[in-house]
Amino acid sequence: MLAAARLRVHPYHCSLIGDSAADVEVARAAETMCVGFANKPYKDLTLTEAGADAVVTDMTTVADTLASNPW
């Protein structure tokens, strides 16, 4: 929430990228979207069960998606 406040945007317009269930919980508490980064084989299920909005296994997916959106 501090980052959103400093950027003067609502957390709803932000996303948190994290690799743990705790990161998903923080995103929920901040009322922001959460992308789970499954950097180990078992983490995809853990992050999905924790409630991540999306789960990726490669950060290139995130970079490509950001690069292709003309905000």
N, C-alpha and C. Protein backbone atom coordinates (compact mmCIF):
# COMPACT_ATOMS: atom_id res chain seq x y z
N MET A 1 0.81 -1.19 0.00
CA MET A 1 0.00 0.00 0.00
C MET A 1 0.86 1.26 0.00
N LEU A 2 2.02 1.16 0.57
CA LEU A 2 2.91 2.32 0.60
C LEU A 2 3.31 2.71 -0.82
N ALA A 3 3.62 1.72 -1.64
CA ALA A 3 4.01 2.02 -3.02
C ALA A 3 2.86 2.70 -3.76
N ALA A 4 1.64 2.18 -3.59
CA ALA A 4 0.48 2.79 -4.25
C ALA A 4 0.27 4.22 -3.75
N ALA A 5 0.41 4.42 -2.47
CA ALA A 5 0.24 5.77 -1.91
C ALA A 5 1.27 6.73 -2.48
N ARG A 6 2.50 6.27 -2.56
CA ARG A 6 3.55 7.15 -3.09
C ARG A 6 3.35 7.46 -4.57
N LEU A 7 2.73 6.53 -5.29
CA LEU A 7 2.43 6.76 -6.70
C LEU A 7 1.10 7.48 -6.88
N ARG A 8 0.39 7.67 -5.77
CA ARG A 8 -0.92 8.34 -5.76
C ARG A 8 -1.94 7.61 -6.63
N VAL A 9 -1.95 6.28 -6.49
CA VAL A 9 -2.94 5.46 -7.17
C VAL A 9 -3.59 4.54 -6.15
N HIS A 10 -4.78 4.11 -6.44
CA HIS A 10 -5.48 3.17 -5.56
C HIS A 10 -4.85 1.79 -5.75
N PRO A 11 -4.71 1.02 -4.68
CA PRO A 11 -4.13 -0.32 -4.81
C PRO A 11 -4.86 -1.20 -5.83
N TYR A 12 -6.14 -0.91 -6.08
CA TYR A 12 -6.90 -1.65 -7.08
C TYR A 12 -6.22 -1.60 -8.45
N HIS A 13 -5.49 -0.54 -8.71
CA HIS A 13 -4.82 -0.37 -10.00
C HIS A 13 -3.39 -0.92 -10.00
N CYS A 14 -3.04 -1.65 -8.96
CA CYS A 14 -1.69 -2.22 -8.82
C CYS A 14 -1.75 -3.74 -8.80
N SER A 15 -0.61 -4.34 -8.93
CA SER A 15 -0.48 -5.79 -8.79
C SER A 15 0.76 -6.10 -7.98
N LEU A 16 0.66 -7.12 -7.16
CA LEU A 16 1.80 -7.60 -6.41
C LEU A 16 2.24 -8.91 -7.03
N ILE A 17 3.52 -9.06 -7.28
CA ILE A 17 4.05 -10.32 -7.77
C ILE A 17 4.83 -10.94 -6.62
N GLY A 18 4.43 -12.15 -6.24
CA GLY A 18 5.10 -12.80 -5.12
C GLY A 18 5.19 -14.30 -5.31
N ASP A 19 6.06 -14.91 -4.53
CA ASP A 19 6.29 -16.35 -4.69
C ASP A 19 5.87 -17.17 -3.47
N SER A 20 5.02 -16.60 -2.62
CA SER A 20 4.58 -17.35 -1.44
C SER A 20 3.12 -17.07 -1.14
N ALA A 21 2.53 -17.97 -0.37
CA ALA A 21 1.14 -17.77 0.06
C ALA A 21 1.02 -16.50 0.89
N ALA A 22 2.05 -16.18 1.65
CA ALA A 22 2.03 -14.95 2.45
C ALA A 22 1.95 -13.73 1.55
N ASP A 23 2.60 -13.77 0.40
CA ASP A 23 2.53 -12.65 -0.54
C ASP A 23 1.10 -12.48 -1.05
N VAL A 24 0.42 -13.59 -1.29
CA VAL A 24 -0.98 -13.54 -1.74
C VAL A 24 -1.83 -12.90 -0.64
N GLU A 25 -1.60 -13.28 0.59
CA GLU A 25 -2.34 -12.72 1.72
C GLU A 25 -2.12 -11.21 1.83
N VAL A 26 -0.89 -10.78 1.63
CA VAL A 26 -0.58 -9.34 1.68
C VAL A 26 -1.32 -8.61 0.57
N ALA A 27 -1.34 -9.18 -0.62
CA ALA A 27 -2.05 -8.56 -1.74
C ALA A 27 -3.54 -8.43 -1.43
N ARG A 28 -4.11 -9.46 -0.85
CA ARG A 28 -5.53 -9.42 -0.49
C ARG A 28 -5.78 -8.33 0.55
N ALA A 29 -4.92 -8.26 1.54
CA ALA A 29 -5.06 -7.24 2.59
C ALA A 29 -4.95 -5.83 2.01
N ALA A 30 -4.12 -5.68 0.99
CA ALA A 30 -3.92 -4.37 0.36
C ALA A 30 -4.97 -4.08 -0.71
N GLU A 31 -5.85 -5.05 -0.96
CA GLU A 31 -6.90 -4.92 -1.98
C GLU A 31 -6.33 -4.70 -3.37
N THR A 32 -5.29 -5.48 -3.68
CA THR A 32 -4.66 -5.39 -4.99
C THR A 32 -4.65 -6.77 -5.64
N MET A 33 -4.37 -6.80 -6.91
CA MET A 33 -4.28 -8.07 -7.63
C MET A 33 -2.97 -8.77 -7.25
N CYS A 34 -2.96 -10.09 -7.43
CA CYS A 34 -1.76 -10.84 -7.08
C CYS A 34 -1.40 -11.82 -8.19
N VAL A 35 -0.17 -11.74 -8.64
CA VAL A 35 0.38 -12.71 -9.59
C VAL A 35 1.34 -13.57 -8.80
N GLY A 36 1.06 -14.86 -8.75
CA GLY A 36 1.94 -15.79 -8.06
C GLY A 36 3.06 -16.25 -8.99
N PHE A 37 4.26 -16.20 -8.51
CA PHE A 37 5.43 -16.65 -9.28
C PHE A 37 5.84 -18.02 -8.73
N ALA A 38 5.49 -19.05 -9.47
CA ALA A 38 5.80 -20.43 -9.07
C ALA A 38 7.21 -20.78 -9.55
N ASN A 39 8.19 -20.43 -8.72
CA ASN A 39 9.58 -20.65 -9.10
C ASN A 39 10.09 -22.03 -8.67
N LYS A 40 9.20 -22.84 -8.14
CA LYS A 40 9.49 -24.23 -7.79
C LYS A 40 8.27 -25.07 -8.19
N PRO A 41 8.47 -26.34 -8.52
CA PRO A 41 7.37 -27.16 -9.05
C PRO A 41 6.09 -27.19 -8.20
N TYR A 42 6.20 -27.23 -6.89
CA TYR A 42 5.01 -27.35 -6.05
C TYR A 42 4.29 -26.03 -5.81
N LYS A 43 4.91 -24.93 -6.14
CA LYS A 43 4.35 -23.63 -5.78
C LYS A 43 3.11 -23.24 -6.60
N ASP A 44 2.95 -23.79 -7.79
CA ASP A 44 1.78 -23.42 -8.58
C ASP A 44 0.49 -23.78 -7.84
N LEU A 45 0.43 -24.96 -7.26
CA LEU A 45 -0.74 -25.37 -6.51
C LEU A 45 -0.89 -24.55 -5.23
N THR A 46 0.21 -24.32 -4.54
CA THR A 46 0.18 -23.54 -3.30
C THR A 46 -0.35 -22.13 -3.56
N LEU A 47 0.14 -21.49 -4.60
CA LEU A 47 -0.28 -20.12 -4.91
C LEU A 47 -1.72 -20.07 -5.41
N THR A 48 -2.12 -21.06 -6.17
CA THR A 48 -3.51 -21.14 -6.63
C THR A 48 -4.45 -21.31 -5.45
N GLU A 49 -4.11 -22.23 -4.56
CA GLU A 49 -4.95 -22.46 -3.38
C GLU A 49 -4.99 -21.24 -2.46
N ALA A 50 -3.92 -20.46 -2.45
CA ALA A 50 -3.88 -19.26 -1.61
C ALA A 50 -4.75 -18.15 -2.20
N GLY A 51 -5.11 -18.28 -3.49
CA GLY A 51 -6.00 -17.30 -4.09
C GLY A 51 -5.37 -16.31 -5.04
N ALA A 52 -4.18 -16.63 -5.56
CA ALA A 52 -3.55 -15.73 -6.53
C ALA A 52 -4.46 -15.56 -7.74
N ASP A 53 -4.50 -14.36 -8.29
CA ASP A 53 -5.34 -14.09 -9.46
C ASP A 53 -4.80 -14.77 -10.71
N ALA A 54 -3.50 -14.93 -10.76
CA ALA A 54 -2.83 -15.62 -11.86
C ALA A 54 -1.55 -16.23 -11.32
N VAL A 55 -1.08 -17.28 -11.96
CA VAL A 55 0.17 -17.92 -11.55
C VAL A 55 1.02 -18.09 -12.80
N VAL A 56 2.28 -17.68 -12.70
CA VAL A 56 3.22 -17.84 -13.81
C VAL A 56 4.43 -18.63 -13.31
N THR A 57 5.08 -19.30 -14.24
CA THR A 57 6.28 -20.06 -13.89
C THR A 57 7.54 -19.42 -14.45
N ASP A 58 7.34 -18.36 -15.22
CA ASP A 58 8.47 -17.69 -15.87
C ASP A 58 8.19 -16.19 -15.88
N MET A 59 9.09 -15.40 -15.38
CA MET A 59 8.89 -13.96 -15.33
C MET A 59 8.84 -13.33 -16.72
N THR A 60 9.30 -14.06 -17.73
CA THR A 60 9.21 -13.57 -19.10
C THR A 60 7.74 -13.36 -19.48
N THR A 61 6.87 -14.20 -18.96
CA THR A 61 5.43 -14.06 -19.21
C THR A 61 4.94 -12.71 -18.73
N VAL A 62 5.37 -12.31 -17.56
CA VAL A 62 4.97 -11.01 -17.00
C VAL A 62 5.56 -9.88 -17.85
N ALA A 63 6.84 -9.98 -18.16
CA ALA A 63 7.49 -8.93 -18.94
C ALA A 63 6.85 -8.78 -20.32
N ASP A 64 6.57 -9.89 -20.97
CA ASP A 64 5.94 -9.84 -22.30
C ASP A 64 4.54 -9.22 -22.23
N THR A 65 3.80 -9.57 -21.20
CA THR A 65 2.44 -9.03 -21.04
C THR A 65 2.50 -7.53 -20.80
N LEU A 66 3.40 -7.09 -19.95
CA LEU A 66 3.53 -5.65 -19.69
C LEU A 66 3.98 -4.90 -20.94
N ALA A 67 4.90 -5.49 -21.69
CA ALA A 67 5.42 -4.84 -22.88
C ALA A 67 4.38 -4.73 -24.00
N SER A 68 3.42 -5.65 -24.00
CA SER A 68 2.44 -5.66 -25.09
C SER A 68 1.19 -4.83 -24.79
N ASN A 69 1.10 -4.27 -23.60
CA ASN A 69 -0.06 -3.45 -23.24
C ASN A 69 0.26 -1.97 -23.36
N PRO A 70 -0.51 -1.27 -24.19
CA PRO A 70 -0.24 0.17 -24.41
C PRO A 70 -0.91 1.08 -23.39
N TRP A 71 -0.88 0.80 -22.18
CA TRP A 71 -1.54 1.53 -21.09
C TRP A 71 -1.98 2.86 -21.57
